[in-house]
Amino acid sequence: MANFPWLTTIILFPIAASLLIPVLPDKDGKTVRWYALIVGLIDFTLIVYAFCTQYDFANPDLQLVESYPWIPQMGLNWSVGVDGLSMPLVILTGFITTLAALASWPVTFKPKLFYFLLLAMYGGQVAVFAVQDMLLFFLVWELELVPVYFLLSIWGGQKALIRGDEVHSLHSWGVPVYFGGCPDDGVLRRHGNI
């Protein structure tokens, strides 16, 4: 099981499961609630199992590393891995999102859309902490924001649309800052200052 693509599975499982929600036969929202909770529990179990059995806590380097050609013409790879900083964040994301699926049990307004967005966000958030390619990070960051925006805008309570716009604006400003800092990081690394 050492060669099993743990992180890719952990990232793509909730996203793939969310794509099945529109075709689930469900009239009152109960089936989709259980489905989302079970998907969350399975993914969280995968996270815990992968880190308990495959992760070496004494090793500070990247672990569970996977790299697959993504767009080979541009030299881009699907590269994922976790270290001592990102590993607890992946576990926390799995735990909190699974709890969110349970805590959102009373949602009755468009439950299929809600749980679709919740599971899509789950996979995107785990990917944010695991990807190792700068362009891939940017893409999963932006793709993760789409479900967050709609969850806040539709189910965010009073002034929901304003909250969604605020979060989207704040996150959108982070992208230029991120890309502005990347060339500096490369220059510092080249000169041995990092």
N, C-alpha and C. Protein backbone atom coordinates (compact mmCIF):
# COMPACT_ATOMS: atom_id res chain seq x y z
N MET A 1 0.82 -1.20 0.00
CA MET A 1 0.00 0.00 0.00
C MET A 1 0.86 1.26 0.00
N ALA A 2 2.18 1.09 -0.01
CA ALA A 2 3.07 2.25 0.04
C ALA A 2 2.97 3.08 -1.24
N ASN A 3 2.63 2.45 -2.35
CA ASN A 3 2.54 3.17 -3.62
C ASN A 3 1.13 3.64 -3.94
N PHE A 4 0.21 3.43 -3.04
CA PHE A 4 -1.16 3.86 -3.27
C PHE A 4 -1.23 5.39 -3.28
N PRO A 5 -1.96 5.98 -4.21
CA PRO A 5 -2.04 7.46 -4.28
C PRO A 5 -2.98 8.03 -3.22
N TRP A 6 -2.52 8.05 -1.98
CA TRP A 6 -3.36 8.46 -0.86
C TRP A 6 -3.90 9.87 -1.02
N LEU A 7 -3.03 10.83 -1.26
CA LEU A 7 -3.48 12.22 -1.31
C LEU A 7 -4.39 12.49 -2.50
N THR A 8 -4.07 11.91 -3.65
CA THR A 8 -4.94 12.10 -4.81
C THR A 8 -6.32 11.52 -4.53
N THR A 9 -6.38 10.37 -3.91
CA THR A 9 -7.67 9.76 -3.56
C THR A 9 -8.42 10.62 -2.56
N ILE A 10 -7.70 11.12 -1.54
CA ILE A 10 -8.34 11.94 -0.51
C ILE A 10 -8.89 13.24 -1.10
N ILE A 11 -8.19 13.80 -2.08
CA ILE A 11 -8.63 15.04 -2.72
C ILE A 11 -9.79 14.80 -3.68
N LEU A 12 -9.66 13.78 -4.53
CA LEU A 12 -10.64 13.59 -5.60
C LEU A 12 -11.90 12.85 -5.17
N PHE A 13 -11.84 12.06 -4.09
CA PHE A 13 -13.01 11.30 -3.66
C PHE A 13 -14.21 12.19 -3.35
N PRO A 14 -14.10 13.22 -2.50
CA PRO A 14 -15.28 14.04 -2.24
C PRO A 14 -15.74 14.84 -3.46
N ILE A 15 -14.80 15.22 -4.32
CA ILE A 15 -15.19 15.94 -5.55
C ILE A 15 -15.97 15.03 -6.47
N ALA A 16 -15.47 13.80 -6.67
CA ALA A 16 -16.19 12.84 -7.52
C ALA A 16 -17.53 12.48 -6.91
N ALA A 17 -17.57 12.32 -5.58
CA ALA A 17 -18.83 12.00 -4.91
C ALA A 17 -19.83 13.14 -5.05
N SER A 18 -19.35 14.37 -5.05
CA SER A 18 -20.27 15.52 -5.20
C SER A 18 -20.92 15.53 -6.57
N LEU A 19 -20.23 15.01 -7.56
CA LEU A 19 -20.78 15.00 -8.92
C LEU A 19 -21.96 14.03 -9.05
N LEU A 20 -22.08 13.08 -8.13
CA LEU A 20 -23.20 12.13 -8.16
C LEU A 20 -24.46 12.68 -7.47
N ILE A 21 -24.31 13.74 -6.71
CA ILE A 21 -25.46 14.26 -5.95
C ILE A 21 -26.63 14.67 -6.84
N PRO A 22 -26.42 15.33 -7.97
CA PRO A 22 -27.59 15.71 -8.79
C PRO A 22 -28.43 14.54 -9.27
N VAL A 23 -27.86 13.35 -9.38
CA VAL A 23 -28.63 12.21 -9.87
C VAL A 23 -29.15 11.32 -8.75
N LEU A 24 -28.89 11.67 -7.50
CA LEU A 24 -29.42 10.89 -6.39
C LEU A 24 -30.94 11.06 -6.31
N PRO A 25 -31.66 9.96 -6.19
CA PRO A 25 -33.11 10.09 -6.00
C PRO A 25 -33.40 10.55 -4.58
N ASP A 26 -33.88 11.78 -4.46
CA ASP A 26 -34.10 12.34 -3.13
C ASP A 26 -35.16 13.43 -3.24
N LYS A 27 -36.25 13.27 -2.50
CA LYS A 27 -37.32 14.27 -2.55
C LYS A 27 -37.30 15.22 -1.37
N ASP A 28 -36.96 14.72 -0.19
CA ASP A 28 -37.03 15.56 1.01
C ASP A 28 -35.66 15.94 1.56
N GLY A 29 -34.57 15.55 0.92
CA GLY A 29 -33.24 15.94 1.36
C GLY A 29 -32.57 14.99 2.32
N LYS A 30 -33.27 13.94 2.75
CA LYS A 30 -32.68 13.02 3.73
C LYS A 30 -31.58 12.16 3.12
N THR A 31 -31.82 11.67 1.94
CA THR A 31 -30.82 10.80 1.29
C THR A 31 -29.52 11.55 1.04
N VAL A 32 -29.63 12.76 0.54
CA VAL A 32 -28.43 13.52 0.22
C VAL A 32 -27.67 13.90 1.50
N ARG A 33 -28.38 14.11 2.58
CA ARG A 33 -27.71 14.40 3.87
C ARG A 33 -26.86 13.22 4.32
N TRP A 34 -27.48 12.04 4.30
CA TRP A 34 -26.76 10.84 4.70
C TRP A 34 -25.59 10.56 3.75
N TYR A 35 -25.84 10.77 2.47
CA TYR A 35 -24.80 10.54 1.46
C TYR A 35 -23.59 11.44 1.74
N ALA A 36 -23.81 12.73 1.96
CA ALA A 36 -22.71 13.66 2.20
C ALA A 36 -21.99 13.32 3.51
N LEU A 37 -22.73 12.96 4.53
CA LEU A 37 -22.11 12.60 5.80
C LEU A 37 -21.26 11.34 5.66
N ILE A 38 -21.77 10.35 4.96
CA ILE A 38 -21.01 9.10 4.75
C ILE A 38 -19.76 9.36 3.92
N VAL A 39 -19.87 10.18 2.87
CA VAL A 39 -18.70 10.53 2.06
C VAL A 39 -17.67 11.25 2.93
N GLY A 40 -18.12 12.19 3.74
CA GLY A 40 -17.21 12.90 4.64
C GLY A 40 -16.52 11.96 5.62
N LEU A 41 -17.28 11.04 6.20
CA LEU A 41 -16.70 10.08 7.15
C LEU A 41 -15.71 9.14 6.47
N ILE A 42 -16.03 8.69 5.26
CA ILE A 42 -15.11 7.81 4.53
C ILE A 42 -13.82 8.56 4.21
N ASP A 43 -13.94 9.79 3.74
CA ASP A 43 -12.74 10.54 3.40
C ASP A 43 -11.91 10.87 4.64
N PHE A 44 -12.57 11.22 5.73
CA PHE A 44 -11.85 11.50 6.96
C PHE A 44 -11.16 10.23 7.47
N THR A 45 -11.81 9.08 7.34
CA THR A 45 -11.20 7.81 7.72
C THR A 45 -9.97 7.53 6.87
N LEU A 46 -10.07 7.82 5.56
CA LEU A 46 -8.91 7.66 4.68
C LEU A 46 -7.76 8.56 5.12
N ILE A 47 -8.08 9.79 5.48
CA ILE A 47 -7.05 10.73 5.94
C ILE A 47 -6.35 10.19 7.18
N VAL A 48 -7.14 9.80 8.16
CA VAL A 48 -6.56 9.31 9.42
C VAL A 48 -5.75 8.04 9.17
N TYR A 49 -6.28 7.13 8.37
CA TYR A 49 -5.57 5.89 8.08
C TYR A 49 -4.25 6.17 7.36
N ALA A 50 -4.29 7.03 6.36
CA ALA A 50 -3.08 7.34 5.60
C ALA A 50 -2.01 7.95 6.50
N PHE A 51 -2.41 8.85 7.38
CA PHE A 51 -1.41 9.48 8.23
C PHE A 51 -0.93 8.57 9.36
N CYS A 52 -1.80 7.70 9.83
CA CYS A 52 -1.38 6.78 10.90
C CYS A 52 -0.47 5.66 10.38
N THR A 53 -0.66 5.24 9.15
CA THR A 53 0.09 4.10 8.65
C THR A 53 1.20 4.49 7.67
N GLN A 54 1.07 5.58 6.95
CA GLN A 54 2.02 5.90 5.88
C GLN A 54 2.91 7.10 6.19
N TYR A 55 2.57 7.86 7.21
CA TYR A 55 3.29 9.10 7.50
C TYR A 55 4.29 8.86 8.64
N ASP A 56 5.54 9.29 8.43
CA ASP A 56 6.58 9.16 9.44
C ASP A 56 6.73 10.49 10.16
N PHE A 57 6.28 10.56 11.38
CA PHE A 57 6.27 11.81 12.14
C PHE A 57 7.69 12.30 12.48
N ALA A 58 8.67 11.44 12.40
CA ALA A 58 10.05 11.83 12.67
C ALA A 58 10.74 12.45 11.44
N ASN A 59 10.12 12.32 10.29
CA ASN A 59 10.71 12.82 9.05
C ASN A 59 10.12 14.20 8.72
N PRO A 60 10.95 15.25 8.66
CA PRO A 60 10.41 16.59 8.38
C PRO A 60 10.19 16.87 6.90
N ASP A 61 10.60 15.97 6.02
CA ASP A 61 10.47 16.20 4.59
C ASP A 61 9.04 15.96 4.10
N LEU A 62 8.81 16.30 2.84
CA LEU A 62 7.52 15.99 2.22
C LEU A 62 7.32 14.49 2.19
N GLN A 63 6.10 14.07 2.49
CA GLN A 63 5.77 12.66 2.47
C GLN A 63 4.47 12.45 1.70
N LEU A 64 4.19 11.20 1.42
CA LEU A 64 3.03 10.82 0.61
C LEU A 64 3.07 11.58 -0.72
N VAL A 65 4.26 11.76 -1.24
CA VAL A 65 4.47 12.56 -2.45
C VAL A 65 4.00 11.78 -3.67
N GLU A 66 3.26 12.48 -4.51
CA GLU A 66 2.81 11.93 -5.79
C GLU A 66 3.04 12.99 -6.84
N SER A 67 3.44 12.56 -8.01
CA SER A 67 3.64 13.50 -9.11
C SER A 67 3.28 12.79 -10.41
N TYR A 68 2.32 13.36 -11.11
CA TYR A 68 1.87 12.81 -12.38
C TYR A 68 1.89 13.93 -13.42
N PRO A 69 2.29 13.62 -14.66
CA PRO A 69 2.25 14.67 -15.69
C PRO A 69 0.82 15.18 -15.87
N TRP A 70 0.68 16.47 -15.85
CA TRP A 70 -0.64 17.09 -15.97
C TRP A 70 -0.75 17.75 -17.34
N ILE A 71 0.10 18.72 -17.61
CA ILE A 71 0.20 19.32 -18.94
C ILE A 71 1.69 19.25 -19.30
N PRO A 72 2.12 18.11 -19.87
CA PRO A 72 3.55 17.91 -20.08
C PRO A 72 4.18 18.93 -21.04
N GLN A 73 3.40 19.47 -21.98
CA GLN A 73 3.94 20.45 -22.92
C GLN A 73 4.43 21.70 -22.19
N MET A 74 3.84 22.00 -21.04
CA MET A 74 4.22 23.18 -20.27
C MET A 74 5.04 22.82 -19.04
N GLY A 75 5.33 21.53 -18.87
CA GLY A 75 6.09 21.09 -17.72
C GLY A 75 5.31 21.12 -16.42
N LEU A 76 3.98 21.04 -16.49
CA LEU A 76 3.14 21.10 -15.30
C LEU A 76 2.78 19.68 -14.86
N ASN A 77 2.85 19.47 -13.55
CA ASN A 77 2.54 18.16 -12.98
C ASN A 77 1.49 18.30 -11.90
N TRP A 78 0.72 17.22 -11.71
CA TRP A 78 -0.14 17.10 -10.54
C TRP A 78 0.79 16.62 -9.44
N SER A 79 1.25 17.54 -8.63
CA SER A 79 2.22 17.22 -7.58
C SER A 79 1.59 17.51 -6.22
N VAL A 80 1.50 16.47 -5.40
CA VAL A 80 0.96 16.63 -4.06
C VAL A 80 1.90 15.97 -3.06
N GLY A 81 1.87 16.48 -1.85
CA GLY A 81 2.67 15.95 -0.77
C GLY A 81 2.35 16.74 0.50
N VAL A 82 2.66 16.17 1.63
CA VAL A 82 2.41 16.86 2.90
C VAL A 82 3.66 16.79 3.77
N ASP A 83 3.81 17.81 4.59
CA ASP A 83 4.90 17.84 5.56
C ASP A 83 4.30 18.08 6.94
N GLY A 84 5.14 18.42 7.91
CA GLY A 84 4.67 18.61 9.27
C GLY A 84 3.73 19.78 9.45
N LEU A 85 3.75 20.73 8.51
CA LEU A 85 2.86 21.88 8.60
C LEU A 85 1.51 21.60 7.94
N SER A 86 1.54 20.98 6.76
CA SER A 86 0.28 20.77 6.04
C SER A 86 -0.49 19.54 6.50
N MET A 87 0.20 18.55 7.06
CA MET A 87 -0.49 17.34 7.50
C MET A 87 -1.57 17.61 8.54
N PRO A 88 -1.29 18.38 9.62
CA PRO A 88 -2.37 18.64 10.57
C PRO A 88 -3.50 19.47 9.97
N LEU A 89 -3.19 20.31 8.99
CA LEU A 89 -4.23 21.11 8.34
C LEU A 89 -5.15 20.23 7.49
N VAL A 90 -4.59 19.21 6.86
CA VAL A 90 -5.42 18.27 6.09
C VAL A 90 -6.34 17.49 7.04
N ILE A 91 -5.78 17.04 8.15
CA ILE A 91 -6.61 16.32 9.15
C ILE A 91 -7.71 17.23 9.69
N LEU A 92 -7.35 18.44 10.03
CA LEU A 92 -8.33 19.40 10.57
C LEU A 92 -9.42 19.70 9.54
N THR A 93 -9.04 19.85 8.27
CA THR A 93 -10.03 20.10 7.22
C THR A 93 -11.01 18.94 7.12
N GLY A 94 -10.50 17.72 7.15
CA GLY A 94 -11.37 16.55 7.09
C GLY A 94 -12.32 16.48 8.28
N PHE A 95 -11.79 16.77 9.45
CA PHE A 95 -12.61 16.71 10.67
C PHE A 95 -13.69 17.80 10.67
N ILE A 96 -13.29 19.04 10.39
CA ILE A 96 -14.24 20.16 10.43
C ILE A 96 -15.30 20.04 9.34
N THR A 97 -14.90 19.62 8.15
CA THR A 97 -15.89 19.52 7.06
C THR A 97 -16.87 18.39 7.32
N THR A 98 -16.39 17.30 7.90
CA THR A 98 -17.31 16.21 8.26
C THR A 98 -18.27 16.66 9.35
N LEU A 99 -17.75 17.42 10.32
CA LEU A 99 -18.64 17.99 11.34
C LEU A 99 -19.64 18.97 10.72
N ALA A 100 -19.19 19.73 9.72
CA ALA A 100 -20.09 20.68 9.05
C ALA A 100 -21.22 19.94 8.34
N ALA A 101 -20.92 18.80 7.76
CA ALA A 101 -21.98 18.00 7.12
C ALA A 101 -22.99 17.54 8.15
N LEU A 102 -22.53 17.19 9.33
CA LEU A 102 -23.44 16.78 10.40
C LEU A 102 -24.21 17.97 10.97
N ALA A 103 -23.52 19.08 11.18
CA ALA A 103 -24.16 20.27 11.76
C ALA A 103 -25.16 20.91 10.82
N SER A 104 -25.01 20.68 9.53
CA SER A 104 -25.93 21.29 8.56
C SER A 104 -27.15 20.41 8.29
N TRP A 105 -27.41 19.46 9.16
CA TRP A 105 -28.56 18.57 9.00
C TRP A 105 -29.88 19.33 8.83
N PRO A 106 -30.09 20.45 9.52
CA PRO A 106 -31.37 21.15 9.37
C PRO A 106 -31.56 21.90 8.05
N VAL A 107 -30.55 21.95 7.18
CA VAL A 107 -30.69 22.67 5.92
C VAL A 107 -31.79 22.03 5.09
N THR A 108 -32.80 22.82 4.76
CA THR A 108 -33.91 22.31 3.94
C THR A 108 -34.03 23.04 2.61
N PHE A 109 -33.38 24.19 2.47
CA PHE A 109 -33.44 24.96 1.24
C PHE A 109 -32.37 24.43 0.28
N LYS A 110 -32.79 23.81 -0.82
CA LYS A 110 -31.90 23.27 -1.85
C LYS A 110 -30.79 22.40 -1.26
N PRO A 111 -31.17 21.32 -0.57
CA PRO A 111 -30.13 20.49 0.09
C PRO A 111 -29.16 19.84 -0.89
N LYS A 112 -29.63 19.48 -2.09
CA LYS A 112 -28.70 18.88 -3.05
C LYS A 112 -27.59 19.85 -3.43
N LEU A 113 -27.95 21.08 -3.68
CA LEU A 113 -26.96 22.09 -4.03
C LEU A 113 -26.02 22.33 -2.85
N PHE A 114 -26.59 22.42 -1.66
CA PHE A 114 -25.77 22.67 -0.47
C PHE A 114 -24.71 21.59 -0.28
N TYR A 115 -25.11 20.32 -0.32
CA TYR A 115 -24.16 19.24 -0.07
C TYR A 115 -23.22 19.03 -1.25
N PHE A 116 -23.68 19.33 -2.45
CA PHE A 116 -22.77 19.32 -3.61
C PHE A 116 -21.64 20.32 -3.39
N LEU A 117 -21.99 21.53 -3.00
CA LEU A 117 -20.98 22.57 -2.76
C LEU A 117 -20.09 22.21 -1.57
N LEU A 118 -20.67 21.63 -0.53
CA LEU A 118 -19.90 21.27 0.65
C LEU A 118 -18.83 20.23 0.31
N LEU A 119 -19.21 19.20 -0.45
CA LEU A 119 -18.24 18.16 -0.80
C LEU A 119 -17.20 18.67 -1.80
N ALA A 120 -17.62 19.52 -2.74
CA ALA A 120 -16.65 20.11 -3.68
C ALA A 120 -15.65 20.98 -2.92
N MET A 121 -16.15 21.74 -1.95
CA MET A 121 -15.27 22.57 -1.13
C MET A 121 -14.30 21.70 -0.32
N TYR A 122 -14.78 20.59 0.19
CA TYR A 122 -13.96 19.67 0.97
C TYR A 122 -12.72 19.25 0.18
N GLY A 123 -12.96 18.73 -1.02
CA GLY A 123 -11.83 18.30 -1.85
C GLY A 123 -10.90 19.46 -2.20
N GLY A 124 -11.46 20.62 -2.48
CA GLY A 124 -10.64 21.78 -2.80
C GLY A 124 -9.80 22.25 -1.64
N GLN A 125 -10.37 22.22 -0.44
CA GLN A 125 -9.61 22.66 0.73
C GLN A 125 -8.47 21.71 1.06
N VAL A 126 -8.70 20.42 0.95
CA VAL A 126 -7.61 19.46 1.18
C VAL A 126 -6.52 19.67 0.13
N ALA A 127 -6.94 19.91 -1.11
CA ALA A 127 -5.96 20.13 -2.19
C ALA A 127 -5.11 21.36 -1.93
N VAL A 128 -5.70 22.42 -1.40
CA VAL A 128 -4.95 23.64 -1.12
C VAL A 128 -3.77 23.34 -0.20
N PHE A 129 -3.94 22.46 0.76
CA PHE A 129 -2.87 22.16 1.71
C PHE A 129 -1.89 21.11 1.20
N ALA A 130 -2.23 20.40 0.12
CA ALA A 130 -1.39 19.29 -0.33
C ALA A 130 -0.65 19.55 -1.64
N VAL A 131 -1.14 20.43 -2.50
CA VAL A 131 -0.51 20.60 -3.81
C VAL A 131 0.87 21.24 -3.66
N GLN A 132 1.75 20.88 -4.58
CA GLN A 132 3.13 21.36 -4.54
C GLN A 132 3.51 22.14 -5.80
N ASP A 133 2.59 22.31 -6.72
CA ASP A 133 2.83 23.05 -7.95
C ASP A 133 2.15 24.42 -7.85
N MET A 134 2.85 25.49 -8.20
CA MET A 134 2.31 26.83 -7.99
C MET A 134 1.04 27.07 -8.81
N LEU A 135 1.03 26.69 -10.08
CA LEU A 135 -0.17 26.89 -10.89
C LEU A 135 -1.32 26.03 -10.39
N LEU A 136 -1.02 24.82 -10.01
CA LEU A 136 -2.06 23.94 -9.47
C LEU A 136 -2.62 24.50 -8.17
N PHE A 137 -1.74 25.07 -7.33
CA PHE A 137 -2.22 25.72 -6.10
C PHE A 137 -3.18 26.85 -6.43
N PHE A 138 -2.82 27.67 -7.38
CA PHE A 138 -3.68 28.78 -7.78
C PHE A 138 -5.04 28.26 -8.26
N LEU A 139 -5.04 27.22 -9.07
CA LEU A 139 -6.30 26.68 -9.60
C LEU A 139 -7.17 26.08 -8.50
N VAL A 140 -6.59 25.28 -7.61
CA VAL A 140 -7.42 24.68 -6.56
C VAL A 140 -7.88 25.73 -5.57
N TRP A 141 -7.06 26.76 -5.35
CA TRP A 141 -7.46 27.87 -4.47
C TRP A 141 -8.70 28.55 -5.04
N GLU A 142 -8.66 28.87 -6.32
CA GLU A 142 -9.80 29.54 -6.96
C GLU A 142 -11.01 28.62 -7.06
N LEU A 143 -10.79 27.35 -7.37
CA LEU A 143 -11.92 26.40 -7.47
C LEU A 143 -12.55 26.16 -6.10
N GLU A 144 -11.76 26.24 -5.05
CA GLU A 144 -12.30 26.08 -3.71
C GLU A 144 -13.13 27.29 -3.31
N LEU A 145 -12.79 28.45 -3.85
CA LEU A 145 -13.53 29.66 -3.51
C LEU A 145 -14.94 29.69 -4.09
N VAL A 146 -15.15 29.04 -5.22
CA VAL A 146 -16.48 29.05 -5.85
C VAL A 146 -17.53 28.44 -4.92
N PRO A 147 -17.31 27.22 -4.38
CA PRO A 147 -18.30 26.70 -3.43
C PRO A 147 -18.44 27.55 -2.17
N VAL A 148 -17.33 28.09 -1.68
CA VAL A 148 -17.39 28.94 -0.48
C VAL A 148 -18.27 30.15 -0.75
N TYR A 149 -18.09 30.78 -1.90
CA TYR A 149 -18.88 31.96 -2.25
C TYR A 149 -20.37 31.63 -2.28
N PHE A 150 -20.74 30.55 -2.94
CA PHE A 150 -22.16 30.21 -3.04
C PHE A 150 -22.73 29.74 -1.70
N LEU A 151 -21.94 29.00 -0.92
CA LEU A 151 -22.43 28.60 0.40
C LEU A 151 -22.72 29.82 1.26
N LEU A 152 -21.82 30.79 1.24
CA LEU A 152 -22.04 32.01 2.03
C LEU A 152 -23.17 32.85 1.46
N SER A 153 -23.24 32.96 0.15
CA SER A 153 -24.23 33.82 -0.48
C SER A 153 -25.65 33.29 -0.34
N ILE A 154 -25.81 31.98 -0.37
CA ILE A 154 -27.16 31.40 -0.33
C ILE A 154 -27.58 31.05 1.09
N TRP A 155 -26.67 30.45 1.88
CA TRP A 155 -27.04 29.97 3.21
C TRP A 155 -26.37 30.76 4.33
N GLY A 156 -25.84 31.93 4.05
CA GLY A 156 -25.08 32.69 5.02
C GLY A 156 -25.88 33.54 5.98
N GLY A 157 -27.18 33.40 6.01
CA GLY A 157 -28.01 34.17 6.94
C GLY A 157 -28.28 35.57 6.43
N GLN A 158 -28.55 36.48 7.35
CA GLN A 158 -28.83 37.86 6.97
C GLN A 158 -27.58 38.46 6.33
N LYS A 159 -27.80 39.28 5.32
CA LYS A 159 -26.69 39.91 4.58
C LYS A 159 -25.77 38.87 3.97
N ALA A 160 -26.33 37.76 3.52
CA ALA A 160 -25.54 36.65 3.01
C ALA A 160 -24.76 37.04 1.76
N LEU A 161 -25.40 37.73 0.85
CA LEU A 161 -24.72 38.10 -0.39
C LEU A 161 -23.55 39.03 -0.11
N ILE A 162 -23.71 39.92 0.86
CA ILE A 162 -22.62 40.83 1.21
C ILE A 162 -21.44 40.03 1.77
N ARG A 163 -21.73 39.03 2.61
CA ARG A 163 -20.66 38.19 3.17
C ARG A 163 -19.93 37.44 2.06
N GLY A 164 -20.68 36.89 1.14
CA GLY A 164 -20.07 36.17 0.03
C GLY A 164 -19.18 37.07 -0.80
N ASP A 165 -19.66 38.28 -1.08
CA ASP A 165 -18.85 39.22 -1.86
C ASP A 165 -17.60 39.64 -1.09
N GLU A 166 -17.72 39.84 0.22
CA GLU A 166 -16.57 40.23 1.03
C GLU A 166 -15.49 39.14 1.02
N VAL A 167 -15.91 37.91 1.24
CA VAL A 167 -14.95 36.81 1.26
C VAL A 167 -14.30 36.66 -0.11
N HIS A 168 -15.11 36.73 -1.15
CA HIS A 168 -14.55 36.60 -2.50
C HIS A 168 -13.56 37.72 -2.79
N SER A 169 -13.88 38.94 -2.40
CA SER A 169 -12.97 40.06 -2.63
C SER A 169 -11.67 39.89 -1.87
N LEU A 170 -11.76 39.52 -0.61
CA LEU A 170 -10.55 39.33 0.19
C LEU A 170 -9.66 38.24 -0.38
N HIS A 171 -10.26 37.13 -0.79
CA HIS A 171 -9.47 36.04 -1.34
C HIS A 171 -8.90 36.41 -2.70
N SER A 172 -9.65 37.16 -3.48
CA SER A 172 -9.17 37.55 -4.80
C SER A 172 -7.95 38.46 -4.70
N TRP A 173 -7.88 39.27 -3.66
CA TRP A 173 -6.71 40.12 -3.47
C TRP A 173 -5.49 39.32 -3.05
N GLY A 174 -5.70 38.14 -2.50
CA GLY A 174 -4.58 37.31 -2.10
C GLY A 174 -3.81 36.74 -3.27
N VAL A 175 -4.46 36.54 -4.41
CA VAL A 175 -3.81 35.95 -5.57
C VAL A 175 -2.69 36.84 -6.11
N PRO A 176 -2.94 38.14 -6.36
CA PRO A 176 -1.82 38.98 -6.83
C PRO A 176 -0.67 39.05 -5.83
N VAL A 177 -1.00 39.06 -4.55
CA VAL A 177 0.05 39.09 -3.53
C VAL A 177 0.86 37.79 -3.59
N TYR A 178 0.16 36.66 -3.75
CA TYR A 178 0.84 35.37 -3.84
C TYR A 178 1.76 35.34 -5.06
N PHE A 179 1.22 35.69 -6.22
CA PHE A 179 2.03 35.66 -7.43
C PHE A 179 3.11 36.73 -7.41
N GLY A 180 2.90 37.82 -6.71
CA GLY A 180 3.93 38.84 -6.59
C GLY A 180 5.10 38.36 -5.75
N GLY A 181 4.82 37.52 -4.77
CA GLY A 181 5.87 37.02 -3.90
C GLY A 181 6.62 35.83 -4.45
N CYS A 182 6.05 35.12 -5.40
CA CYS A 182 6.70 33.91 -5.92
C CYS A 182 8.03 34.22 -6.63
N PRO A 183 8.10 35.24 -7.48
CA PRO A 183 9.42 35.53 -8.09
C PRO A 183 10.46 35.90 -7.05
N ASP A 184 10.07 36.65 -6.02
CA ASP A 184 11.02 37.00 -4.96
C ASP A 184 11.51 35.76 -4.24
N ASP A 185 10.62 34.81 -4.02
CA ASP A 185 10.99 33.56 -3.38
C ASP A 185 12.03 32.83 -4.22
N GLY A 186 11.82 32.78 -5.53
CA GLY A 186 12.78 32.13 -6.42
C GLY A 186 14.13 32.80 -6.42
N VAL A 187 14.15 34.11 -6.39
CA VAL A 187 15.41 34.85 -6.37
C VAL A 187 16.14 34.59 -5.05
N LEU A 188 15.42 34.63 -3.93
CA LEU A 188 16.04 34.38 -2.63
C LEU A 188 16.59 32.96 -2.54
N ARG A 189 15.86 31.98 -3.07
CA ARG A 189 16.31 30.61 -3.02
C ARG A 189 17.57 30.43 -3.87
N ARG A 190 17.60 31.09 -5.01
CA ARG A 190 18.74 30.97 -5.91
C ARG A 190 20.02 31.51 -5.25
N HIS A 191 19.88 32.54 -4.43
CA HIS A 191 21.03 33.15 -3.78
C HIS A 191 21.28 32.56 -2.38
N GLY A 192 20.52 31.54 -2.02
CA GLY A 192 20.73 30.85 -0.75
C GLY A 192 20.28 31.61 0.48
N ASN A 193 19.36 32.56 0.31
CA ASN A 193 18.89 33.33 1.44
C ASN A 193 17.69 32.73 2.14
N ILE A 194 17.17 31.62 1.65
CA ILE A 194 16.05 30.94 2.31
C ILE A 194 16.49 29.56 2.71
